[in-house]
Amino acid sequence: KKTADAVNFLNGLADKGSDLQEFVKALINYLRQMLILKIAGPESGVVTGLTKDDLLKLKNQADAFNESDIKRIISLFLDAENQMRYSSIRQLPLELAIIESTEKNEK
């Protein structure tokens, strides 16, 4: 929910030479797990591969959003992932997705 911090974090990753394509894939997967957890609940066992602490952290983060917001954010980052291939500035589609996804929450 902190646009400037998120953009600065992303640019820090880019400056360090991190693979932004892999970063966005991991982010989308994390958001997917959050959505599934939100829909099915922590007791369902649908979200696997997380420690109890990680699952609790994910649940707490999921509680801050409604399902439609998570779906909207996933969609934004899926579009950004596709646009990165054709962008002359690799992180620009991700920056725009960050700005658009945090915009609603800051108002």
N, C-alpha and C. Protein backbone atom coordinates (compact mmCIF):
# COMPACT_ATOMS: atom_id res chain seq x y z
N LYS A 1 0.82 -1.20 0.00
CA LYS A 1 0.00 0.00 0.00
C LYS A 1 0.86 1.26 0.00
N LYS A 2 2.17 1.10 -0.07
CA LYS A 2 3.08 2.25 -0.06
C LYS A 2 3.77 2.33 -1.41
N THR A 3 3.21 3.14 -2.30
CA THR A 3 3.65 3.21 -3.68
C THR A 3 5.13 3.53 -3.81
N ALA A 4 5.58 4.60 -3.18
CA ALA A 4 6.98 5.02 -3.33
C ALA A 4 7.94 3.94 -2.83
N ASP A 5 7.63 3.34 -1.70
CA ASP A 5 8.49 2.28 -1.17
C ASP A 5 8.55 1.09 -2.12
N ALA A 6 7.40 0.73 -2.70
CA ALA A 6 7.34 -0.42 -3.60
C ALA A 6 8.13 -0.14 -4.89
N VAL A 7 7.98 1.06 -5.44
CA VAL A 7 8.73 1.42 -6.66
C VAL A 7 10.23 1.46 -6.36
N ASN A 8 10.59 2.02 -5.23
CA ASN A 8 12.01 2.06 -4.84
C ASN A 8 12.57 0.65 -4.64
N PHE A 9 11.80 -0.22 -4.04
CA PHE A 9 12.22 -1.61 -3.86
C PHE A 9 12.46 -2.27 -5.21
N LEU A 10 11.54 -2.10 -6.13
CA LEU A 10 11.67 -2.67 -7.47
C LEU A 10 12.92 -2.14 -8.18
N ASN A 11 13.13 -0.84 -8.12
CA ASN A 11 14.30 -0.26 -8.77
C ASN A 11 15.60 -0.70 -8.10
N GLY A 12 15.54 -0.95 -6.80
CA GLY A 12 16.71 -1.50 -6.11
C GLY A 12 17.04 -2.90 -6.63
N LEU A 13 16.01 -3.71 -6.85
CA LEU A 13 16.23 -5.03 -7.43
C LEU A 13 16.84 -4.92 -8.82
N ALA A 14 16.32 -4.01 -9.62
CA ALA A 14 16.84 -3.81 -10.98
C ALA A 14 18.29 -3.35 -10.94
N ASP A 15 18.60 -2.43 -10.04
CA ASP A 15 19.97 -1.91 -9.92
C ASP A 15 20.95 -3.00 -9.51
N LYS A 16 20.47 -3.98 -8.73
CA LYS A 16 21.34 -5.07 -8.29
C LYS A 16 21.47 -6.16 -9.35
N GLY A 17 20.75 -6.00 -10.46
CA GLY A 17 20.83 -6.98 -11.53
C GLY A 17 19.92 -8.17 -11.35
N SER A 18 18.94 -8.06 -10.46
CA SER A 18 18.00 -9.16 -10.26
C SER A 18 17.18 -9.38 -11.53
N ASP A 19 16.76 -10.61 -11.74
CA ASP A 19 15.93 -10.96 -12.88
C ASP A 19 14.49 -10.54 -12.57
N LEU A 20 14.05 -9.46 -13.17
CA LEU A 20 12.71 -8.93 -12.88
C LEU A 20 11.62 -9.86 -13.39
N GLN A 21 11.92 -10.61 -14.44
CA GLN A 21 10.94 -11.57 -14.95
C GLN A 21 10.67 -12.65 -13.90
N GLU A 22 11.73 -13.14 -13.25
CA GLU A 22 11.57 -14.13 -12.19
C GLU A 22 10.88 -13.53 -10.97
N PHE A 23 11.22 -12.27 -10.67
CA PHE A 23 10.59 -11.59 -9.55
C PHE A 23 9.08 -11.51 -9.74
N VAL A 24 8.65 -11.08 -10.93
CA VAL A 24 7.21 -10.93 -11.16
C VAL A 24 6.51 -12.29 -11.17
N LYS A 25 7.17 -13.33 -11.66
CA LYS A 25 6.58 -14.68 -11.60
C LYS A 25 6.38 -15.10 -10.15
N ALA A 26 7.38 -14.85 -9.31
CA ALA A 26 7.26 -15.20 -7.88
C ALA A 26 6.16 -14.38 -7.21
N LEU A 27 6.07 -13.11 -7.56
CA LEU A 27 5.04 -12.25 -6.98
C LEU A 27 3.65 -12.73 -7.38
N ILE A 28 3.47 -13.07 -8.64
CA ILE A 28 2.17 -13.56 -9.11
C ILE A 28 1.81 -14.86 -8.40
N ASN A 29 2.78 -15.74 -8.22
CA ASN A 29 2.51 -16.99 -7.50
C ASN A 29 2.11 -16.72 -6.05
N TYR A 30 2.79 -15.77 -5.42
CA TYR A 30 2.46 -15.40 -4.04
C TYR A 30 1.03 -14.85 -3.96
N LEU A 31 0.68 -13.98 -4.90
CA LEU A 31 -0.66 -13.41 -4.92
C LEU A 31 -1.71 -14.49 -5.19
N ARG A 32 -1.36 -15.46 -6.03
CA ARG A 32 -2.24 -16.58 -6.31
C ARG A 32 -2.51 -17.37 -5.03
N GLN A 33 -1.44 -17.65 -4.28
CA GLN A 33 -1.60 -18.36 -3.02
C GLN A 33 -2.47 -17.56 -2.06
N MET A 34 -2.30 -16.25 -2.06
CA MET A 34 -3.10 -15.39 -1.19
C MET A 34 -4.58 -15.48 -1.56
N LEU A 35 -4.86 -15.46 -2.86
CA LEU A 35 -6.25 -15.55 -3.31
C LEU A 35 -6.85 -16.90 -2.95
N ILE A 36 -6.12 -17.97 -3.18
CA ILE A 36 -6.61 -19.31 -2.84
C ILE A 36 -6.86 -19.42 -1.34
N LEU A 37 -5.95 -18.89 -0.55
CA LEU A 37 -6.11 -18.91 0.90
C LEU A 37 -7.34 -18.11 1.31
N LYS A 38 -7.54 -16.98 0.66
CA LYS A 38 -8.69 -16.13 0.97
C LYS A 38 -10.00 -16.86 0.65
N ILE A 39 -10.02 -17.60 -0.45
CA ILE A 39 -11.23 -18.29 -0.87
C ILE A 39 -11.46 -19.55 -0.05
N ALA A 40 -10.41 -20.37 0.11
CA ALA A 40 -10.56 -21.70 0.72
C ALA A 40 -10.35 -21.70 2.23
N GLY A 41 -9.60 -20.73 2.74
CA GLY A 41 -9.33 -20.69 4.17
C GLY A 41 -8.08 -21.49 4.53
N PRO A 42 -7.45 -21.16 5.65
CA PRO A 42 -6.20 -21.81 6.04
C PRO A 42 -6.35 -23.28 6.41
N GLU A 43 -7.54 -23.67 6.83
CA GLU A 43 -7.75 -25.05 7.26
C GLU A 43 -7.94 -26.01 6.08
N SER A 44 -8.12 -25.48 4.88
CA SER A 44 -8.44 -26.31 3.72
C SER A 44 -7.26 -27.16 3.26
N GLY A 45 -6.05 -26.70 3.53
CA GLY A 45 -4.87 -27.43 3.09
C GLY A 45 -4.57 -27.25 1.61
N VAL A 46 -5.27 -26.33 0.95
CA VAL A 46 -5.07 -26.10 -0.48
C VAL A 46 -3.72 -25.43 -0.74
N VAL A 47 -3.35 -24.49 0.10
CA VAL A 47 -2.05 -23.83 -0.03
C VAL A 47 -1.02 -24.70 0.68
N THR A 48 -0.05 -25.20 -0.08
CA THR A 48 0.95 -26.10 0.47
C THR A 48 2.35 -25.53 0.26
N GLY A 49 3.31 -26.13 0.94
CA GLY A 49 4.70 -25.74 0.77
C GLY A 49 5.13 -24.55 1.61
N LEU A 50 4.30 -24.14 2.54
CA LEU A 50 4.64 -23.02 3.41
C LEU A 50 4.78 -23.50 4.85
N THR A 51 5.70 -22.86 5.57
CA THR A 51 5.80 -23.15 6.99
C THR A 51 4.58 -22.56 7.69
N LYS A 52 4.35 -22.95 8.94
CA LYS A 52 3.22 -22.39 9.68
C LYS A 52 3.34 -20.88 9.81
N ASP A 53 4.57 -20.39 10.04
CA ASP A 53 4.78 -18.95 10.16
C ASP A 53 4.48 -18.24 8.84
N ASP A 54 4.95 -18.82 7.72
CA ASP A 54 4.70 -18.22 6.41
C ASP A 54 3.21 -18.23 6.08
N LEU A 55 2.53 -19.31 6.44
CA LEU A 55 1.10 -19.41 6.20
C LEU A 55 0.34 -18.36 7.02
N LEU A 56 0.75 -18.16 8.26
CA LEU A 56 0.13 -17.15 9.11
C LEU A 56 0.37 -15.75 8.55
N LYS A 57 1.59 -15.50 8.09
CA LYS A 57 1.92 -14.21 7.49
C LYS A 57 1.07 -13.97 6.24
N LEU A 58 0.96 -14.99 5.40
CA LEU A 58 0.16 -14.89 4.18
C LEU A 58 -1.31 -14.63 4.54
N LYS A 59 -1.82 -15.33 5.54
CA LYS A 59 -3.20 -15.13 5.96
C LYS A 59 -3.43 -13.71 6.46
N ASN A 60 -2.50 -13.20 7.25
CA ASN A 60 -2.63 -11.82 7.75
C ASN A 60 -2.62 -10.81 6.61
N GLN A 61 -1.76 -11.05 5.62
CA GLN A 61 -1.72 -10.16 4.46
C GLN A 61 -3.01 -10.28 3.66
N ALA A 62 -3.51 -11.49 3.49
CA ALA A 62 -4.75 -11.71 2.74
C ALA A 62 -5.93 -11.02 3.41
N ASP A 63 -5.92 -10.97 4.74
CA ASP A 63 -7.01 -10.34 5.48
C ASP A 63 -7.13 -8.84 5.18
N ALA A 64 -6.05 -8.23 4.70
CA ALA A 64 -6.06 -6.80 4.40
C ALA A 64 -6.71 -6.49 3.05
N PHE A 65 -7.04 -7.53 2.28
CA PHE A 65 -7.60 -7.34 0.95
C PHE A 65 -8.89 -8.13 0.79
N ASN A 66 -9.74 -7.69 -0.14
CA ASN A 66 -10.88 -8.52 -0.50
C ASN A 66 -10.51 -9.28 -1.78
N GLU A 67 -11.30 -10.29 -2.11
CA GLU A 67 -11.00 -11.15 -3.25
C GLU A 67 -10.87 -10.36 -4.55
N SER A 68 -11.75 -9.41 -4.76
CA SER A 68 -11.73 -8.66 -6.02
C SER A 68 -10.45 -7.83 -6.14
N ASP A 69 -9.96 -7.29 -5.04
CA ASP A 69 -8.70 -6.53 -5.08
C ASP A 69 -7.53 -7.45 -5.44
N ILE A 70 -7.49 -8.62 -4.86
CA ILE A 70 -6.40 -9.56 -5.16
C ILE A 70 -6.46 -9.97 -6.62
N LYS A 71 -7.65 -10.26 -7.13
CA LYS A 71 -7.78 -10.63 -8.55
C LYS A 71 -7.34 -9.49 -9.45
N ARG A 72 -7.70 -8.26 -9.09
CA ARG A 72 -7.31 -7.09 -9.88
C ARG A 72 -5.80 -6.92 -9.89
N ILE A 73 -5.17 -7.11 -8.76
CA ILE A 73 -3.72 -6.96 -8.65
C ILE A 73 -3.02 -8.07 -9.44
N ILE A 74 -3.51 -9.29 -9.35
CA ILE A 74 -2.93 -10.38 -10.13
C ILE A 74 -3.01 -10.04 -11.61
N SER A 75 -4.15 -9.57 -12.05
CA SER A 75 -4.34 -9.21 -13.45
C SER A 75 -3.36 -8.12 -13.88
N LEU A 76 -3.15 -7.13 -13.04
CA LEU A 76 -2.21 -6.05 -13.35
C LEU A 76 -0.79 -6.59 -13.54
N PHE A 77 -0.38 -7.49 -12.66
CA PHE A 77 0.98 -8.01 -12.75
C PHE A 77 1.14 -9.04 -13.87
N LEU A 78 0.07 -9.77 -14.20
CA LEU A 78 0.12 -10.66 -15.37
C LEU A 78 0.31 -9.84 -16.65
N ASP A 79 -0.43 -8.74 -16.75
CA ASP A 79 -0.27 -7.85 -17.91
C ASP A 79 1.13 -7.25 -17.94
N ALA A 80 1.62 -6.84 -16.79
CA ALA A 80 2.97 -6.25 -16.73
C ALA A 80 4.02 -7.27 -17.15
N GLU A 81 3.86 -8.51 -16.71
CA GLU A 81 4.81 -9.56 -17.08
C GLU A 81 4.87 -9.71 -18.60
N ASN A 82 3.73 -9.70 -19.25
CA ASN A 82 3.69 -9.82 -20.71
C ASN A 82 4.28 -8.59 -21.40
N GLN A 83 4.01 -7.41 -20.87
CA GLN A 83 4.50 -6.17 -21.47
C GLN A 83 6.00 -5.99 -21.31
N MET A 84 6.58 -6.61 -20.29
CA MET A 84 8.03 -6.47 -20.05
C MET A 84 8.85 -6.93 -21.25
N ARG A 85 8.36 -7.91 -21.97
CA ARG A 85 9.10 -8.47 -23.12
C ARG A 85 9.33 -7.42 -24.20
N TYR A 86 8.42 -6.47 -24.31
CA TYR A 86 8.45 -5.51 -25.41
C TYR A 86 8.82 -4.10 -24.96
N SER A 87 9.03 -3.91 -23.70
CA SER A 87 9.31 -2.58 -23.16
C SER A 87 10.79 -2.24 -23.26
N SER A 88 11.09 -1.03 -23.70
CA SER A 88 12.48 -0.60 -23.77
C SER A 88 13.05 -0.35 -22.37
N ILE A 89 12.18 -0.12 -21.41
CA ILE A 89 12.57 0.02 -20.00
C ILE A 89 11.91 -1.15 -19.28
N ARG A 90 12.71 -2.18 -18.98
CA ARG A 90 12.16 -3.45 -18.48
C ARG A 90 11.26 -3.30 -17.25
N GLN A 91 11.63 -2.43 -16.32
CA GLN A 91 10.83 -2.34 -15.09
C GLN A 91 9.62 -1.42 -15.22
N LEU A 92 9.49 -0.68 -16.32
CA LEU A 92 8.38 0.26 -16.46
C LEU A 92 7.01 -0.40 -16.33
N PRO A 93 6.72 -1.52 -17.01
CA PRO A 93 5.41 -2.15 -16.81
C PRO A 93 5.15 -2.55 -15.35
N LEU A 94 6.19 -2.98 -14.66
CA LEU A 94 6.04 -3.33 -13.24
C LEU A 94 5.79 -2.09 -12.40
N GLU A 95 6.49 -1.02 -12.70
CA GLU A 95 6.27 0.23 -11.96
C GLU A 95 4.82 0.70 -12.13
N LEU A 96 4.33 0.63 -13.36
CA LEU A 96 2.95 1.04 -13.61
C LEU A 96 1.95 0.13 -12.88
N ALA A 97 2.24 -1.17 -12.85
CA ALA A 97 1.37 -2.10 -12.13
C ALA A 97 1.38 -1.79 -10.63
N ILE A 98 2.55 -1.46 -10.10
CA ILE A 98 2.65 -1.10 -8.69
C ILE A 98 1.82 0.14 -8.41
N ILE A 99 1.99 1.16 -9.24
CA ILE A 99 1.28 2.42 -9.03
C ILE A 99 -0.24 2.19 -9.10
N GLU A 100 -0.67 1.44 -10.11
CA GLU A 100 -2.11 1.20 -10.26
C GLU A 100 -2.66 0.33 -9.13
N SER A 101 -1.88 -0.64 -8.68
CA SER A 101 -2.39 -1.53 -7.63
C SER A 101 -2.43 -0.86 -6.26
N THR A 102 -1.57 0.12 -6.04
CA THR A 102 -1.56 0.79 -4.73
C THR A 102 -2.41 2.07 -4.74
N GLU A 103 -2.71 2.59 -5.90
CA GLU A 103 -3.46 3.81 -6.04
C GLU A 103 -4.78 3.80 -5.26
N LYS A 104 -5.57 2.76 -5.45
CA LYS A 104 -6.88 2.64 -4.81
C LYS A 104 -6.77 2.60 -3.29
N ASN A 105 -5.70 1.97 -2.79
CA ASN A 105 -5.55 1.81 -1.35
C ASN A 105 -5.05 3.06 -0.65
N GLU A 106 -4.47 3.99 -1.41
CA GLU A 106 -3.92 5.19 -0.78
C GLU A 106 -4.94 6.31 -0.69
N LYS A 107 -6.02 6.22 -1.41
CA LYS A 107 -7.01 7.31 -1.44
C LYS A 107 -7.85 7.32 -0.19
